Protein backbone atom coordinates (compact mmCIF):
# COMPACT_ATOMS: atom_id res chain seq x y z
CA UNK A 1 0.00 0.00 0.00
CA UNK A 2 1.25 3.48 -0.87
CA UNK A 3 1.02 6.15 1.84
CA UNK A 4 -0.88 9.17 0.53
CA UNK A 5 -0.64 11.43 3.55
CA UNK A 6 0.61 11.75 7.09
CA UNK A 7 -1.15 13.96 9.61
CA UNK A 8 -0.17 15.19 13.00
CA UNK A 9 3.12 16.57 14.20
CA UNK A 10 5.87 15.61 11.82
CA UNK A 11 9.28 14.75 13.34
CA UNK A 12 10.96 17.99 14.24
CA UNK A 13 7.73 19.87 14.84
CA UNK A 14 6.58 22.06 16.51
CA UNK A 15 9.43 24.21 15.27
CA UNK A 16 7.84 27.40 16.53
CA UNK A 17 7.91 26.32 20.17
CA UNK A 18 11.33 24.77 20.66
CA UNK A 19 14.40 26.62 19.45
CA UNK A 20 16.50 23.45 19.69
CA UNK A 21 14.30 21.79 17.07
CA UNK A 22 15.06 24.44 14.46
CA UNK A 23 18.15 22.45 13.48
CA UNK A 24 15.87 19.58 12.40
CA UNK A 25 13.99 21.66 9.83
CA UNK A 26 16.20 20.79 6.80
CA UNK A 27 16.07 17.03 7.51
CA UNK A 28 12.32 17.11 8.08
CA UNK A 29 11.72 19.07 4.89
CA UNK A 30 13.81 16.54 2.96
CA UNK A 31 11.85 13.63 4.48
CA UNK A 32 8.61 15.18 3.18
CA UNK A 33 9.89 15.34 -0.40
CA UNK A 34 8.18 12.03 -1.30
CA UNK A 35 4.69 13.39 -0.64
CA UNK A 36 2.60 15.10 -3.30
CA UNK A 37 1.06 17.53 -0.81
CA UNK A 38 2.49 18.94 2.40
CA UNK A 39 -0.29 20.33 4.58
CA UNK A 40 1.22 22.61 7.20
CA UNK A 41 -0.78 23.70 10.22
CA UNK A 42 -0.18 26.21 12.98
CA UNK A 43 2.21 23.94 14.90
CA UNK A 44 4.61 24.03 11.98
CA UNK A 45 5.26 27.69 12.73
CA UNK A 46 6.45 30.37 10.38
CA UNK A 47 10.01 29.04 10.15
CA UNK A 48 8.80 25.61 9.15
CA UNK A 49 6.22 26.89 6.68
CA UNK A 50 8.81 29.21 5.15
CA UNK A 51 11.31 26.36 4.78
CA UNK A 52 8.68 24.07 3.24
CA UNK A 53 7.48 26.75 0.82
CA UNK A 54 11.03 27.70 -0.18
CA UNK A 55 11.77 24.09 -1.13
CA UNK A 56 8.42 22.91 -2.49
CA UNK A 57 6.60 26.08 -3.55
CA UNK A 58 2.98 27.08 -3.12
CA UNK A 59 1.74 24.25 -5.33
CA UNK A 60 2.78 21.54 -2.88
CA UNK A 61 2.48 23.29 0.48
CA UNK A 62 -1.12 23.95 1.50
CA UNK A 63 -2.57 25.34 4.73
CA UNK A 64 -4.08 22.80 7.10
CA UNK A 65 -6.99 23.77 9.32
CA UNK A 66 -10.04 22.28 10.97
CA UNK A 67 -12.45 20.96 8.35
CA UNK A 68 -9.89 20.79 5.55
CA UNK A 69 -10.63 17.92 3.14
CA UNK A 70 -8.26 16.13 0.81
CA UNK A 71 -9.14 13.66 -1.92
CA UNK A 72 -6.61 11.17 -3.27
C-alpha atoms as a PDB file:
ATOM      1  CA  UNK A   1       0.000   0.000   0.000  1.00  0.00           C
ATOM      2  CA  UNK A   2       1.254   3.485  -0.868  1.00  0.00           C
ATOM      3  CA  UNK A   3       1.015   6.145   1.837  1.00  0.00           C
ATOM      4  CA  UNK A   4      -0.876   9.167   0.530  1.00  0.00           C
ATOM      5  CA  UNK A   5      -0.641  11.428   3.546  1.00  0.00           C
ATOM      6  CA  UNK A   6       0.610  11.747   7.089  1.00  0.00           C
ATOM      7  CA  UNK A   7      -1.148  13.959   9.607  1.00  0.00           C
ATOM      8  CA  UNK A   8      -0.169  15.195  13.005  1.00  0.00           C
ATOM      9  CA  UNK A   9       3.117  16.566  14.202  1.00  0.00           C
ATOM     10  CA  UNK A  10       5.874  15.611  11.815  1.00  0.00           C
ATOM     11  CA  UNK A  11       9.277  14.746  13.341  1.00  0.00           C
ATOM     12  CA  UNK A  12      10.960  17.995  14.243  1.00  0.00           C
ATOM     13  CA  UNK A  13       7.730  19.874  14.845  1.00  0.00           C
ATOM     14  CA  UNK A  14       6.584  22.065  16.513  1.00  0.00           C
ATOM     15  CA  UNK A  15       9.427  24.209  15.268  1.00  0.00           C
ATOM     16  CA  UNK A  16       7.843  27.399  16.534  1.00  0.00           C
ATOM     17  CA  UNK A  17       7.910  26.318  20.169  1.00  0.00           C
ATOM     18  CA  UNK A  18      11.327  24.766  20.662  1.00  0.00           C
ATOM     19  CA  UNK A  19      14.402  26.621  19.448  1.00  0.00           C
ATOM     20  CA  UNK A  20      16.500  23.453  19.693  1.00  0.00           C
ATOM     21  CA  UNK A  21      14.298  21.786  17.075  1.00  0.00           C
ATOM     22  CA  UNK A  22      15.062  24.436  14.455  1.00  0.00           C
ATOM     23  CA  UNK A  23      18.151  22.449  13.478  1.00  0.00           C
ATOM     24  CA  UNK A  24      15.869  19.579  12.396  1.00  0.00           C
ATOM     25  CA  UNK A  25      13.985  21.665   9.831  1.00  0.00           C
ATOM     26  CA  UNK A  26      16.196  20.790   6.800  1.00  0.00           C
ATOM     27  CA  UNK A  27      16.070  17.031   7.510  1.00  0.00           C
ATOM     28  CA  UNK A  28      12.320  17.111   8.076  1.00  0.00           C
ATOM     29  CA  UNK A  29      11.718  19.074   4.886  1.00  0.00           C
ATOM     30  CA  UNK A  30      13.814  16.542   2.962  1.00  0.00           C
ATOM     31  CA  UNK A  31      11.850  13.633   4.479  1.00  0.00           C
ATOM     32  CA  UNK A  32       8.608  15.177   3.181  1.00  0.00           C
ATOM     33  CA  UNK A  33       9.886  15.340  -0.397  1.00  0.00           C
ATOM     34  CA  UNK A  34       8.180  12.033  -1.299  1.00  0.00           C
ATOM     35  CA  UNK A  35       4.689  13.394  -0.641  1.00  0.00           C
ATOM     36  CA  UNK A  36       2.599  15.103  -3.302  1.00  0.00           C
ATOM     37  CA  UNK A  37       1.058  17.529  -0.807  1.00  0.00           C
ATOM     38  CA  UNK A  38       2.490  18.941   2.396  1.00  0.00           C
ATOM     39  CA  UNK A  39      -0.290  20.325   4.582  1.00  0.00           C
ATOM     40  CA  UNK A  40       1.217  22.607   7.202  1.00  0.00           C
ATOM     41  CA  UNK A  41      -0.778  23.701  10.224  1.00  0.00           C
ATOM     42  CA  UNK A  42      -0.180  26.207  12.982  1.00  0.00           C
ATOM     43  CA  UNK A  43       2.208  23.940  14.902  1.00  0.00           C
ATOM     44  CA  UNK A  44       4.615  24.031  11.976  1.00  0.00           C
ATOM     45  CA  UNK A  45       5.260  27.690  12.735  1.00  0.00           C
ATOM     46  CA  UNK A  46       6.451  30.374  10.376  1.00  0.00           C
ATOM     47  CA  UNK A  47      10.010  29.037  10.154  1.00  0.00           C
ATOM     48  CA  UNK A  48       8.796  25.607   9.148  1.00  0.00           C
ATOM     49  CA  UNK A  49       6.219  26.887   6.677  1.00  0.00           C
ATOM     50  CA  UNK A  50       8.810  29.208   5.148  1.00  0.00           C
ATOM     51  CA  UNK A  51      11.306  26.362   4.777  1.00  0.00           C
ATOM     52  CA  UNK A  52       8.677  24.074   3.243  1.00  0.00           C
ATOM     53  CA  UNK A  53       7.478  26.751   0.820  1.00  0.00           C
ATOM     54  CA  UNK A  54      11.028  27.702  -0.185  1.00  0.00           C
ATOM     55  CA  UNK A  55      11.767  24.091  -1.127  1.00  0.00           C
ATOM     56  CA  UNK A  56       8.415  22.905  -2.493  1.00  0.00           C
ATOM     57  CA  UNK A  57       6.597  26.080  -3.549  1.00  0.00           C
ATOM     58  CA  UNK A  58       2.983  27.080  -3.116  1.00  0.00           C
ATOM     59  CA  UNK A  59       1.743  24.255  -5.329  1.00  0.00           C
ATOM     60  CA  UNK A  60       2.780  21.538  -2.884  1.00  0.00           C
ATOM     61  CA  UNK A  61       2.476  23.294   0.482  1.00  0.00           C
ATOM     62  CA  UNK A  62      -1.120  23.949   1.498  1.00  0.00           C
ATOM     63  CA  UNK A  63      -2.574  25.340   4.726  1.00  0.00           C
ATOM     64  CA  UNK A  64      -4.078  22.802   7.099  1.00  0.00           C
ATOM     65  CA  UNK A  65      -6.989  23.769   9.316  1.00  0.00           C
ATOM     66  CA  UNK A  66     -10.039  22.281  10.968  1.00  0.00           C
ATOM     67  CA  UNK A  67     -12.451  20.959   8.354  1.00  0.00           C
ATOM     68  CA  UNK A  68      -9.889  20.785   5.553  1.00  0.00           C
ATOM     69  CA  UNK A  69     -10.629  17.917   3.139  1.00  0.00           C
ATOM     70  CA  UNK A  70      -8.261  16.132   0.811  1.00  0.00           C
ATOM     71  CA  UNK A  71      -9.138  13.659  -1.919  1.00  0.00           C
ATOM     72  CA  UNK A  72      -6.614  11.170  -3.271  1.00  0.00           C
END
